[in-house]
């Protein structure tokens, strides 16, 4: 029986390439959102400097005036509509003024 040969050293791994950022789906003039996310067929982006909440649901995009709300999350309500978390508690879309 032949003796075991020494193992070759491992070659260094190639560094991972950075992931490409997702394309922005909101109006570019709003800049970068402070928070964004989604659930089911809905996604949102919040722009505090502009007081804007942009929603895309079922391929249709709407922009809302967020007033003094600082949006930082979304959840489904009992009636099936989205509710957004803010420093003032939960906010339903019908509580916000549609801008477009």
PDB file of N, CA and C in Angstrom:
ATOM      1  N   UNK A   1       0.848  -1.173   0.000  1.00  0.00           N
ATOM      2  CA  UNK A   1       0.000   0.000   0.000  1.00  0.00           C
ATOM      3  C   UNK A   1       0.897   1.241   0.000  1.00  0.00           C
ATOM      4  N   UNK A   2       0.485   2.208  -0.792  1.00  0.00           N
ATOM      5  CA  UNK A   2       1.266   3.423  -0.946  1.00  0.00           C
ATOM      6  C   UNK A   2       0.890   4.428   0.149  1.00  0.00           C
ATOM      7  N   UNK A   3       1.877   5.127   0.728  1.00  0.00           N
ATOM      8  CA  UNK A   3       1.532   6.099   1.784  1.00  0.00           C
ATOM      9  C   UNK A   3       0.732   7.281   1.215  1.00  0.00           C
ATOM     10  N   UNK A   4      -0.059   7.917   2.087  1.00  0.00           N
ATOM     11  CA  UNK A   4      -0.873   9.078   1.672  1.00  0.00           C
ATOM     12  C   UNK A   4       0.024  10.236   1.263  1.00  0.00           C
ATOM     13  N   UNK A   5      -0.385  10.925   0.241  1.00  0.00           N
ATOM     14  CA  UNK A   5       0.349  12.095  -0.208  1.00  0.00           C
ATOM     15  C   UNK A   5      -0.218  13.320   0.503  1.00  0.00           C
ATOM     16  N   UNK A   6       0.633  14.319   0.740  1.00  0.00           N
ATOM     17  CA  UNK A   6       0.114  15.531   1.395  1.00  0.00           C
ATOM     18  C   UNK A   6      -0.931  16.222   0.510  1.00  0.00           C
ATOM     19  N   UNK A   7      -1.898  16.833   1.164  1.00  0.00           N
ATOM     20  CA  UNK A   7      -2.940  17.556   0.431  1.00  0.00           C
ATOM     21  C   UNK A   7      -2.389  18.874  -0.092  1.00  0.00           C
ATOM     22  N   UNK A   8      -2.888  19.298  -1.241  1.00  0.00           N
ATOM     23  CA  UNK A   8      -2.508  20.604  -1.765  1.00  0.00           C
ATOM     24  C   UNK A   8      -3.227  21.685  -0.967  1.00  0.00           C
ATOM     25  N   UNK A   9      -2.560  22.818  -0.738  1.00  0.00           N
ATOM     26  CA  UNK A   9      -3.243  23.909  -0.013  1.00  0.00           C
ATOM     27  C   UNK A   9      -4.450  24.407  -0.811  1.00  0.00           C
ATOM     28  N   UNK A  10      -5.447  24.854  -0.095  1.00  0.00           N
ATOM     29  CA  UNK A  10      -6.632  25.421  -0.747  1.00  0.00           C
ATOM     30  C   UNK A  10      -6.275  26.726  -1.425  1.00  0.00           C
ATOM     31  N   UNK A  11      -6.876  26.957  -2.574  1.00  0.00           N
ATOM     32  CA  UNK A  11      -6.679  28.219  -3.274  1.00  0.00           C
ATOM     33  C   UNK A  11      -7.590  29.266  -2.642  1.00  0.00           C
ATOM     34  N   UNK A  12      -7.115  30.509  -2.573  1.00  0.00           N
ATOM     35  CA  UNK A  12      -7.980  31.548  -1.983  1.00  0.00           C
ATOM     36  C   UNK A  12      -9.267  31.701  -2.784  1.00  0.00           C
ATOM     37  N   UNK A  13     -10.354  31.970  -2.059  1.00  0.00           N
ATOM     38  CA  UNK A  13     -11.643  32.179  -2.723  1.00  0.00           C
ATOM     39  C   UNK A  13     -11.665  33.554  -3.378  1.00  0.00           C
ATOM     40  N   UNK A  14     -12.359  33.650  -4.486  1.00  0.00           N
ATOM     41  CA  UNK A  14     -12.541  34.929  -5.147  1.00  0.00           C
ATOM     42  C   UNK A  14     -13.522  35.754  -4.320  1.00  0.00           C
ATOM     43  N   UNK A  15     -13.215  37.029  -4.081  1.00  0.00           N
ATOM     44  CA  UNK A  15     -14.150  37.850  -3.289  1.00  0.00           C
ATOM     45  C   UNK A  15     -15.517  37.943  -3.955  1.00  0.00           C
ATOM     46  N   UNK A  16     -16.539  38.043  -3.118  1.00  0.00           N
ATOM     47  CA  UNK A  16     -17.898  38.181  -3.648  1.00  0.00           C
ATOM     48  C   UNK A  16     -18.062  39.540  -4.293  1.00  0.00           C
ATOM     49  N   UNK A  17     -18.794  39.582  -5.370  1.00  0.00           N
ATOM     50  CA  UNK A  17     -19.092  40.847  -6.036  1.00  0.00           C
ATOM     51  C   UNK A  17     -20.305  41.470  -5.350  1.00  0.00           C
ATOM     52  N   UNK A  18     -20.301  42.797  -5.218  1.00  0.00           N
ATOM     53  CA  UNK A  18     -21.457  43.448  -4.587  1.00  0.00           C
ATOM     54  C   UNK A  18     -22.734  43.175  -5.377  1.00  0.00           C
ATOM     55  N   UNK A  19     -23.828  43.062  -4.643  1.00  0.00           N
ATOM     56  CA  UNK A  19     -25.116  42.865  -5.297  1.00  0.00           C
ATOM     57  C   UNK A  19     -25.545  44.162  -5.967  1.00  0.00           C
ATOM     58  N   UNK A  20     -26.187  44.027  -7.103  1.00  0.00           N
ATOM     59  CA  UNK A  20     -26.710  45.192  -7.802  1.00  0.00           C
ATOM     60  C   UNK A  20     -27.952  45.686  -7.059  1.00  0.00           C
ATOM     61  N   UNK A  21     -28.024  46.984  -6.866  1.00  0.00           N
ATOM     62  CA  UNK A  21     -29.188  47.563  -6.197  1.00  0.00           C
ATOM     63  C   UNK A  21     -30.419  47.395  -7.080  1.00  0.00           C
ATOM     64  N   UNK A  22     -31.547  47.214  -6.431  1.00  0.00           N
ATOM     65  CA  UNK A  22     -32.804  47.096  -7.176  1.00  0.00           C
ATOM     66  C   UNK A  22     -33.131  48.428  -7.832  1.00  0.00           C
ATOM     67  N   UNK A  23     -33.740  48.365  -8.976  1.00  0.00           N
ATOM     68  CA  UNK A  23     -34.135  49.582  -9.670  1.00  0.00           C
ATOM     69  C   UNK A  23     -35.237  50.284  -8.875  1.00  0.00           C
ATOM     70  N   UNK A  24     -35.132  51.595  -8.799  1.00  0.00           N
ATOM     71  CA  UNK A  24     -36.145  52.384  -8.090  1.00  0.00           C
ATOM     72  C   UNK A  24     -37.452  52.354  -8.873  1.00  0.00           C
ATOM     73  N   UNK A  25     -38.539  52.109  -8.205  1.00  0.00           N
ATOM     74  CA  UNK A  25     -39.851  52.059  -8.843  1.00  0.00           C
ATOM     75  C   UNK A  25     -40.671  53.310  -8.522  1.00  0.00           C
ATOM     76  N   UNK A  26     -40.151  54.184  -7.661  1.00  0.00           N
ATOM     77  CA  UNK A  26     -40.834  55.407  -7.268  1.00  0.00           C
ATOM     78  C   UNK A  26     -40.325  56.572  -8.122  1.00  0.00           C
ATOM     79  N   UNK A  27     -41.026  57.707  -8.111  1.00  0.00           N
ATOM     80  CA  UNK A  27     -40.573  58.864  -8.885  1.00  0.00           C
ATOM     81  C   UNK A  27     -39.175  59.310  -8.435  1.00  0.00           C
ATOM     82  N   UNK A  28     -38.265  59.454  -9.374  1.00  0.00           N
ATOM     83  CA  UNK A  28     -36.872  59.772  -9.065  1.00  0.00           C
ATOM     84  C   UNK A  28     -36.710  61.118  -8.372  1.00  0.00           C
ATOM     85  N   UNK A  29     -37.606  62.066  -8.627  1.00  0.00           N
ATOM     86  CA  UNK A  29     -37.482  63.388  -8.014  1.00  0.00           C
ATOM     87  C   UNK A  29     -37.656  63.347  -6.495  1.00  0.00           C
ATOM     88  N   UNK A  30     -38.166  62.232  -5.963  1.00  0.00           N
ATOM     89  CA  UNK A  30     -38.318  62.102  -4.515  1.00  0.00           C
ATOM     90  C   UNK A  30     -37.015  61.707  -3.829  1.00  0.00           C
ATOM     91  N   UNK A  31     -36.033  61.234  -4.576  1.00  0.00           N
ATOM     92  CA  UNK A  31     -34.758  60.844  -3.983  1.00  0.00           C
ATOM     93  C   UNK A  31     -34.798  59.418  -3.458  1.00  0.00           C
ATOM     94  N   UNK A  32     -34.079  59.188  -2.344  1.00  0.00           N
ATOM     95  CA  UNK A  32     -34.023  57.864  -1.724  1.00  0.00           C
ATOM     96  C   UNK A  32     -34.961  57.815  -0.520  1.00  0.00           C
ATOM     97  N   UNK A  33     -35.730  56.747  -0.379  1.00  0.00           N
ATOM     98  CA  UNK A  33     -36.653  56.649   0.761  1.00  0.00           C
ATOM     99  C   UNK A  33     -35.908  56.382   2.062  1.00  0.00           C
ATOM    100  N   UNK A  34     -36.482  56.835   3.164  1.00  0.00           N
ATOM    101  CA  UNK A  34     -35.909  56.524   4.473  1.00  0.00           C
ATOM    102  C   UNK A  34     -36.347  55.138   4.922  1.00  0.00           C
ATOM    103  N   UNK A  35     -37.484  54.686   4.423  1.00  0.00           N
ATOM    104  CA  UNK A  35     -37.941  53.323   4.688  1.00  0.00           C
ATOM    105  C   UNK A  35     -38.729  52.842   3.474  1.00  0.00           C
ATOM    106  N   UNK A  36     -38.652  51.557   3.259  1.00  0.00           N
ATOM    107  CA  UNK A  36     -39.400  50.950   2.161  1.00  0.00           C
ATOM    108  C   UNK A  36     -39.587  49.485   2.489  1.00  0.00           C
ATOM    109  N   UNK A  37     -40.526  48.878   1.827  1.00  0.00           N
ATOM    110  CA  UNK A  37     -40.779  47.463   2.062  1.00  0.00           C
ATOM    111  C   UNK A  37     -41.999  47.026   1.290  1.00  0.00           C
ATOM    112  N   UNK A  38     -42.463  45.859   1.626  1.00  0.00           N
ATOM    113  CA  UNK A  38     -43.628  45.351   0.932  1.00  0.00           C
ATOM    114  C   UNK A  38     -44.217  44.158   1.634  1.00  0.00           C
ATOM    115  N   UNK A  39     -45.394  43.823   1.209  1.00  0.00           N
ATOM    116  CA  UNK A  39     -46.118  42.681   1.755  1.00  0.00           C
ATOM    117  C   UNK A  39     -47.148  42.273   0.716  1.00  0.00           C
ATOM    118  N   UNK A  40     -47.187  40.984   0.413  1.00  0.00           N
ATOM    119  CA  UNK A  40     -48.094  40.469  -0.603  1.00  0.00           C
ATOM    120  C   UNK A  40     -47.872  41.207  -1.918  1.00  0.00           C
ATOM    121  N   UNK A  41     -48.903  41.817  -2.484  1.00  0.00           N
ATOM    122  CA  UNK A  41     -48.781  42.502  -3.774  1.00  0.00           C
ATOM    123  C   UNK A  41     -48.619  44.009  -3.603  1.00  0.00           C
ATOM    124  N   UNK A  42     -48.173  44.450  -2.436  1.00  0.00           N
ATOM    125  CA  UNK A  42     -48.044  45.866  -2.146  1.00  0.00           C
ATOM    126  C   UNK A  42     -46.607  46.185  -1.777  1.00  0.00           C
ATOM    127  N   UNK A  43     -46.114  47.314  -2.261  1.00  0.00           N
ATOM    128  CA  UNK A  43     -44.824  47.804  -1.781  1.00  0.00           C
ATOM    129  C   UNK A  43     -44.953  49.297  -1.554  1.00  0.00           C
ATOM    130  N   UNK A  44     -44.108  49.813  -0.644  1.00  0.00           N
ATOM    131  CA  UNK A  44     -44.180  51.220  -0.291  1.00  0.00           C
ATOM    132  C   UNK A  44     -42.775  51.798  -0.169  1.00  0.00           C
ATOM    133  N   UNK A  45     -42.694  53.103  -0.293  1.00  0.00           N
ATOM    134  CA  UNK A  45     -41.467  53.854  -0.051  1.00  0.00           C
ATOM    135  C   UNK A  45     -41.875  55.167   0.595  1.00  0.00           C
ATOM    136  N   UNK A  46     -41.164  55.557   1.653  1.00  0.00           N
ATOM    137  CA  UNK A  46     -41.501  56.767   2.406  1.00  0.00           C
ATOM    138  C   UNK A  46     -40.369  57.783   2.296  1.00  0.00           C
ATOM    139  N   UNK A  47     -40.744  59.042   2.022  1.00  0.00           N
ATOM    140  CA  UNK A  47     -39.801  60.129   1.827  1.00  0.00           C
ATOM    141  C   UNK A  47     -40.127  61.249   2.810  1.00  0.00           C
ATOM    142  N   UNK A  48     -39.497  61.252   3.988  1.00  0.00           N
ATOM    143  CA  UNK A  48     -39.882  62.213   5.034  1.00  0.00           C
ATOM    144  C   UNK A  48     -39.644  63.675   4.660  1.00  0.00           C
ATOM    145  N   UNK A  49     -38.562  63.966   3.929  1.00  0.00           N
ATOM    146  CA  UNK A  49     -38.275  65.365   3.577  1.00  0.00           C
ATOM    147  C   UNK A  49     -39.353  65.950   2.674  1.00  0.00           C
ATOM    148  N   UNK A  50     -39.959  65.098   1.860  1.00  0.00           N
ATOM    149  CA  UNK A  50     -40.995  65.536   0.920  1.00  0.00           C
ATOM    150  C   UNK A  50     -42.398  65.269   1.452  1.00  0.00           C
ATOM    151  N   UNK A  51     -42.500  64.621   2.617  1.00  0.00           N
ATOM    152  CA  UNK A  51     -43.800  64.245   3.201  1.00  0.00           C
ATOM    153  C   UNK A  51     -44.614  63.407   2.225  1.00  0.00           C
ATOM    154  N   UNK A  52     -43.962  62.400   1.637  1.00  0.00           N
ATOM    155  CA  UNK A  52     -44.620  61.565   0.631  1.00  0.00           C
ATOM    156  C   UNK A  52     -44.481  60.089   0.958  1.00  0.00           C
ATOM    157  N   UNK A  53     -45.583  59.375   0.758  1.00  0.00           N
ATOM    158  CA  UNK A  53     -45.641  57.926   0.856  1.00  0.00           C
ATOM    159  C   UNK A  53     -46.086  57.433  -0.511  1.00  0.00           C
ATOM    160  N   UNK A  54     -45.254  56.617  -1.149  1.00  0.00           N
ATOM    161  CA  UNK A  54     -45.584  56.089  -2.473  1.00  0.00           C
ATOM    162  C   UNK A  54     -45.928  54.614  -2.306  1.00  0.00           C
ATOM    163  N   UNK A  55     -47.058  54.228  -2.861  1.00  0.00           N
ATOM    164  CA  UNK A  55     -47.565  52.860  -2.773  1.00  0.00           C
ATOM    165  C   UNK A  55     -47.684  52.304  -4.179  1.00  0.00           C
ATOM    166  N   UNK A  56     -47.264  51.068  -4.355  1.00  0.00           N
ATOM    167  CA  UNK A  56     -47.551  50.366  -5.602  1.00  0.00           C
ATOM    168  C   UNK A  56     -48.270  49.083  -5.233  1.00  0.00           C
ATOM    169  N   UNK A  57     -49.448  48.931  -5.791  1.00  0.00           N
ATOM    170  CA  UNK A  57     -50.268  47.752  -5.501  1.00  0.00           C
ATOM    171  C   UNK A  57     -50.918  47.299  -6.795  1.00  0.00           C
ATOM    172  N   UNK A  58     -50.714  46.042  -7.131  1.00  0.00           N
ATOM    173  CA  UNK A  58     -51.283  45.497  -8.354  1.00  0.00           C
ATOM    174  C   UNK A  58     -50.804  46.225  -9.601  1.00  0.00           C
ATOM    175  N   UNK A  59     -49.573  46.732  -9.572  1.00  0.00           N
ATOM    176  CA  UNK A  59     -49.014  47.436 -10.712  1.00  0.00           C
ATOM    177  C   UNK A  59     -49.434  48.892 -10.817  1.00  0.00           C
ATOM    178  N   UNK A  60     -50.291  49.365  -9.905  1.00  0.00           N
ATOM    179  CA  UNK A  60     -50.751  50.756  -9.926  1.00  0.00           C
ATOM    180  C   UNK A  60     -50.046  51.531  -8.815  1.00  0.00           C
ATOM    181  N   UNK A  61     -49.461  52.676  -9.175  1.00  0.00           N
ATOM    182  CA  UNK A  61     -48.717  53.485  -8.214  1.00  0.00           C
ATOM    183  C   UNK A  61     -49.513  54.721  -7.833  1.00  0.00           C
ATOM    184  N   UNK A  62     -49.530  55.017  -6.519  1.00  0.00           N
ATOM    185  CA  UNK A  62     -50.179  56.217  -5.992  1.00  0.00           C
ATOM    186  C   UNK A  62     -49.245  56.897  -5.001  1.00  0.00           C
ATOM    187  N   UNK A  63     -49.347  58.219  -4.935  1.00  0.00           N
ATOM    188  CA  UNK A  63     -48.533  59.000  -4.007  1.00  0.00           C
ATOM    189  C   UNK A  63     -49.461  59.704  -3.028  1.00  0.00           C
ATOM    190  N   UNK A  64     -49.082  59.683  -1.753  1.00  0.00           N
ATOM    191  CA  UNK A  64     -49.882  60.283  -0.684  1.00  0.00           C
ATOM    192  C   UNK A  64     -49.062  61.328   0.053  1.00  0.00           C
ATOM    193  N   UNK A  65     -49.751  62.345   0.565  1.00  0.00           N
ATOM    194  CA  UNK A  65     -49.141  63.323   1.465  1.00  0.00           C
ATOM    195  C   UNK A  65     -49.160  62.683   2.851  1.00  0.00           C
ATOM    196  N   UNK A  66     -47.994  62.458   3.422  1.00  0.00           N
ATOM    197  CA  UNK A  66     -47.912  61.764   4.719  1.00  0.00           C
ATOM    198  C   UNK A  66     -48.102  62.705   5.901  1.00  0.00           C
ATOM    199  N   UNK A  67     -48.210  63.998   5.658  1.00  0.00           N
ATOM    200  CA  UNK A  67     -48.402  64.944   6.752  1.00  0.00           C
ATOM    201  C   UNK A  67     -47.252  64.861   7.741  1.00  0.00           C
ATOM    202  N   UNK A  68     -47.575  64.754   9.033  1.00  0.00           N
ATOM    203  CA  UNK A  68     -46.512  64.669  10.047  1.00  0.00           C
ATOM    204  C   UNK A  68     -46.140  63.231  10.398  1.00  0.00           C
ATOM    205  N   UNK A  69     -46.684  62.256   9.683  1.00  0.00           N
ATOM    206  CA  UNK A  69     -46.373  60.853   9.962  1.00  0.00           C
ATOM    207  C   UNK A  69     -44.975  60.494   9.470  1.00  0.00           C
ATOM    208  N   UNK A  70     -44.238  59.778  10.295  1.00  0.00           N
ATOM    209  CA  UNK A  70     -42.925  59.223   9.940  1.00  0.00           C
ATOM    210  C   UNK A  70     -43.124  57.722   9.751  1.00  0.00           C
ATOM    211  N   UNK A  71     -43.373  57.292   8.528  1.00  0.00           N
ATOM    212  CA  UNK A  71     -43.728  55.907   8.214  1.00  0.00           C
ATOM    213  C   UNK A  71     -42.506  55.005   8.336  1.00  0.00           C
ATOM    214  N   UNK A  72     -42.685  53.867   9.029  1.00  0.00           N
ATOM    215  CA  UNK A  72     -41.555  52.941   9.188  1.00  0.00           C
ATOM    216  C   UNK A  72     -41.953  51.477   9.089  1.00  0.00           C
ATOM    217  N   UNK A  73     -43.139  51.174   8.595  1.00  0.00           N
ATOM    218  CA  UNK A  73     -43.527  49.778   8.439  1.00  0.00           C
ATOM    219  C   UNK A  73     -44.948  49.651   7.935  1.00  0.00           C
ATOM    220  N   UNK A  74     -45.305  48.430   7.525  1.00  0.00           N
ATOM    221  CA  UNK A  74     -46.638  48.169   6.993  1.00  0.00           C
ATOM    222  C   UNK A  74     -47.130  46.832   7.530  1.00  0.00           C
ATOM    223  N   UNK A  75     -48.439  46.712   7.693  1.00  0.00           N
ATOM    224  CA  UNK A  75     -49.062  45.444   8.085  1.00  0.00           C
ATOM    225  C   UNK A  75     -50.467  45.403   7.496  1.00  0.00           C
ATOM    226  N   UNK A  76     -51.071  44.231   7.516  1.00  0.00           N
ATOM    227  CA  UNK A  76     -52.438  44.074   7.028  1.00  0.00           C
ATOM    228  C   UNK A  76     -53.393  44.318   8.185  1.00  0.00           C
ATOM    229  N   UNK A  77     -54.484  45.028   7.922  1.00  0.00           N
ATOM    230  CA  UNK A  77     -55.495  45.254   8.953  1.00  0.00           C
ATOM    231  C   UNK A  77     -56.556  44.159   8.858  1.00  0.00           C
ATOM    232  N   UNK A  78     -57.473  44.143   9.799  1.00  0.00           N
ATOM    233  CA  UNK A  78     -58.557  43.149   9.799  1.00  0.00           C
ATOM    234  C   UNK A  78     -59.436  43.267   8.570  1.00  0.00           C
ATOM    235  N   UNK A  79     -59.581  44.486   8.028  1.00  0.00           N
ATOM    236  CA  UNK A  79     -60.417  44.669   6.840  1.00  0.00           C
ATOM    237  C   UNK A  79     -59.658  44.358   5.552  1.00  0.00           C
ATOM    238  N   UNK A  80     -58.405  43.922   5.659  1.00  0.00           N
ATOM    239  CA  UNK A  80     -57.625  43.527   4.491  1.00  0.00           C
ATOM    240  C   UNK A  80     -56.774  44.627   3.889  1.00  0.00           C
ATOM    241  N   UNK A  81     -57.007  45.875   4.284  1.00  0.00           N
ATOM    242  CA  UNK A  81     -56.222  46.987   3.745  1.00  0.00           C
ATOM    243  C   UNK A  81     -54.914  47.154   4.499  1.00  0.00           C
ATOM    244  N   UNK A  82     -53.948  47.805   3.879  1.00  0.00           N
ATOM    245  CA  UNK A  82     -52.673  48.015   4.569  1.00  0.00           C
ATOM    246  C   UNK A  82     -52.780  49.102   5.633  1.00  0.00           C
ATOM    247  N   UNK A  83     -52.024  48.943   6.674  1.00  0.00           N
ATOM    248  CA  UNK A  83     -51.895  49.961   7.721  1.00  0.00           C
ATOM    249  C   UNK A  83     -50.407  50.205   7.896  1.00  0.00           C
ATOM    250  N   UNK A  84     -50.056  51.473   8.017  1.00  0.00           N
ATOM    251  CA  UNK A  84     -48.658  51.861   8.125  1.00  0.00           C
ATOM    252  C   UNK A  84     -48.357  52.302   9.539  1.00  0.00           C
ATOM    253  N   UNK A  85     -47.166  51.923  10.016  1.00  0.00           N
ATOM    254  CA  UNK A  85     -46.735  52.318  11.357  1.00  0.00           C
ATOM    255  C   UNK A  85     -46.046  53.672  11.279  1.00  0.00           C
ATOM    256  N   UNK A  86     -46.378  54.526  12.240  1.00  0.00           N
ATOM    257  CA  UNK A  86     -45.714  55.821  12.349  1.00  0.00           C
ATOM    258  C   UNK A  86     -45.536  56.135  13.827  1.00  0.00           C
ATOM    259  N   UNK A  87     -44.889  57.249  14.119  1.00  0.00           N
ATOM    260  CA  UNK A  87     -44.697  57.655  15.512  1.00  0.00           C
ATOM    261  C   UNK A  87     -46.029  57.957  16.181  1.00  0.00           C
ATOM    262  N   UNK A  88     -47.101  58.135  15.400  1.00  0.00           N
ATOM    263  CA  UNK A  88     -48.439  58.419  15.925  1.00  0.00           C
ATOM    264  C   UNK A  88     -49.316  57.182  16.008  1.00  0.00           C
ATOM    265  N   UNK A  89     -48.761  56.005  15.743  1.00  0.00           N
ATOM    266  CA  UNK A  89     -49.546  54.774  15.733  1.00  0.00           C
ATOM    267  C   UNK A  89     -49.823  54.335  14.310  1.00  0.00           C
ATOM    268  N   UNK A  90     -50.853  53.519  14.142  1.00  0.00           N
ATOM    269  CA  UNK A  90     -51.189  53.006  12.807  1.00  0.00           C
ATOM    270  C   UNK A  90     -51.931  54.046  11.979  1.00  0.00           C
ATOM    271  N   UNK A  91     -51.638  54.024  10.673  1.00  0.00           N
ATOM    272  CA  UNK A  91     -52.258  54.958   9.734  1.00  0.00           C
ATOM    273  C   UNK A  91     -52.793  54.158   8.556  1.00  0.00           C
ATOM    274  N   UNK A  92     -54.074  54.343   8.233  1.00  0.00           N
ATOM    275  CA  UNK A  92     -54.669  53.717   7.056  1.00  0.00           C
ATOM    276  C   UNK A  92     -54.544  54.685   5.886  1.00  0.00           C
ATOM    277  N   UNK A  93     -54.516  54.151   4.676  1.00  0.00           N
ATOM    278  CA  UNK A  93     -54.379  55.006   3.494  1.00  0.00           C
ATOM    279  C   UNK A  93     -55.506  56.011   3.368  1.00  0.00           C
ATOM    280  N   UNK A  94     -56.718  55.643   3.812  1.00  0.00           N
ATOM    281  CA  UNK A  94     -57.838  56.584   3.691  1.00  0.00           C
ATOM    282  C   UNK A  94     -57.711  57.776   4.642  1.00  0.00           C
ATOM    283  N   UNK A  95     -56.708  57.747   5.532  1.00  0.00           N
ATOM    284  CA  UNK A  95     -56.445  58.866   6.414  1.00  0.00           C
ATOM    285  C   UNK A  95     -55.459  59.860   5.790  1.00  0.00           C
ATOM    286  N   UNK A  96     -54.889  59.509   4.628  1.00  0.00           N
ATOM    287  CA  UNK A  96     -53.907  60.353   3.965  1.00  0.00           C
ATOM    288  C   UNK A  96     -54.502  60.932   2.692  1.00  0.00           C
ATOM    289  N   UNK A  97     -54.055  62.124   2.326  1.00  0.00           N
ATOM    290  CA  UNK A  97     -54.526  62.778   1.105  1.00  0.00           C
ATOM    291  C   UNK A  97     -53.736  62.251  -0.088  1.00  0.00           C
ATOM    292  N   UNK A  98     -54.467  61.865  -1.143  1.00  0.00           N
ATOM    293  CA  UNK A  98     -53.823  61.416  -2.385  1.00  0.00           C
ATOM    294  C   UNK A  98     -53.275  62.627  -3.126  1.00  0.00           C
ATOM    295  N   UNK A  99     -52.018  62.525  -3.568  1.00  0.00           N
ATOM    296  CA  UNK A  99     -51.374  63.620  -4.291  1.00  0.00           C
ATOM    297  C   UNK A  99     -51.519  63.436  -5.785  1.00  0.00           C
ATOM    298  N   UNK A 100     -51.463  62.193  -6.272  1.00  0.00           N
ATOM    299  CA  UNK A 100     -51.640  61.953  -7.706  1.00  0.00           C
ATOM    300  C   UNK A 100     -52.524  60.768  -7.953  1.00  0.00           C
TER     301      UNK A 100
END
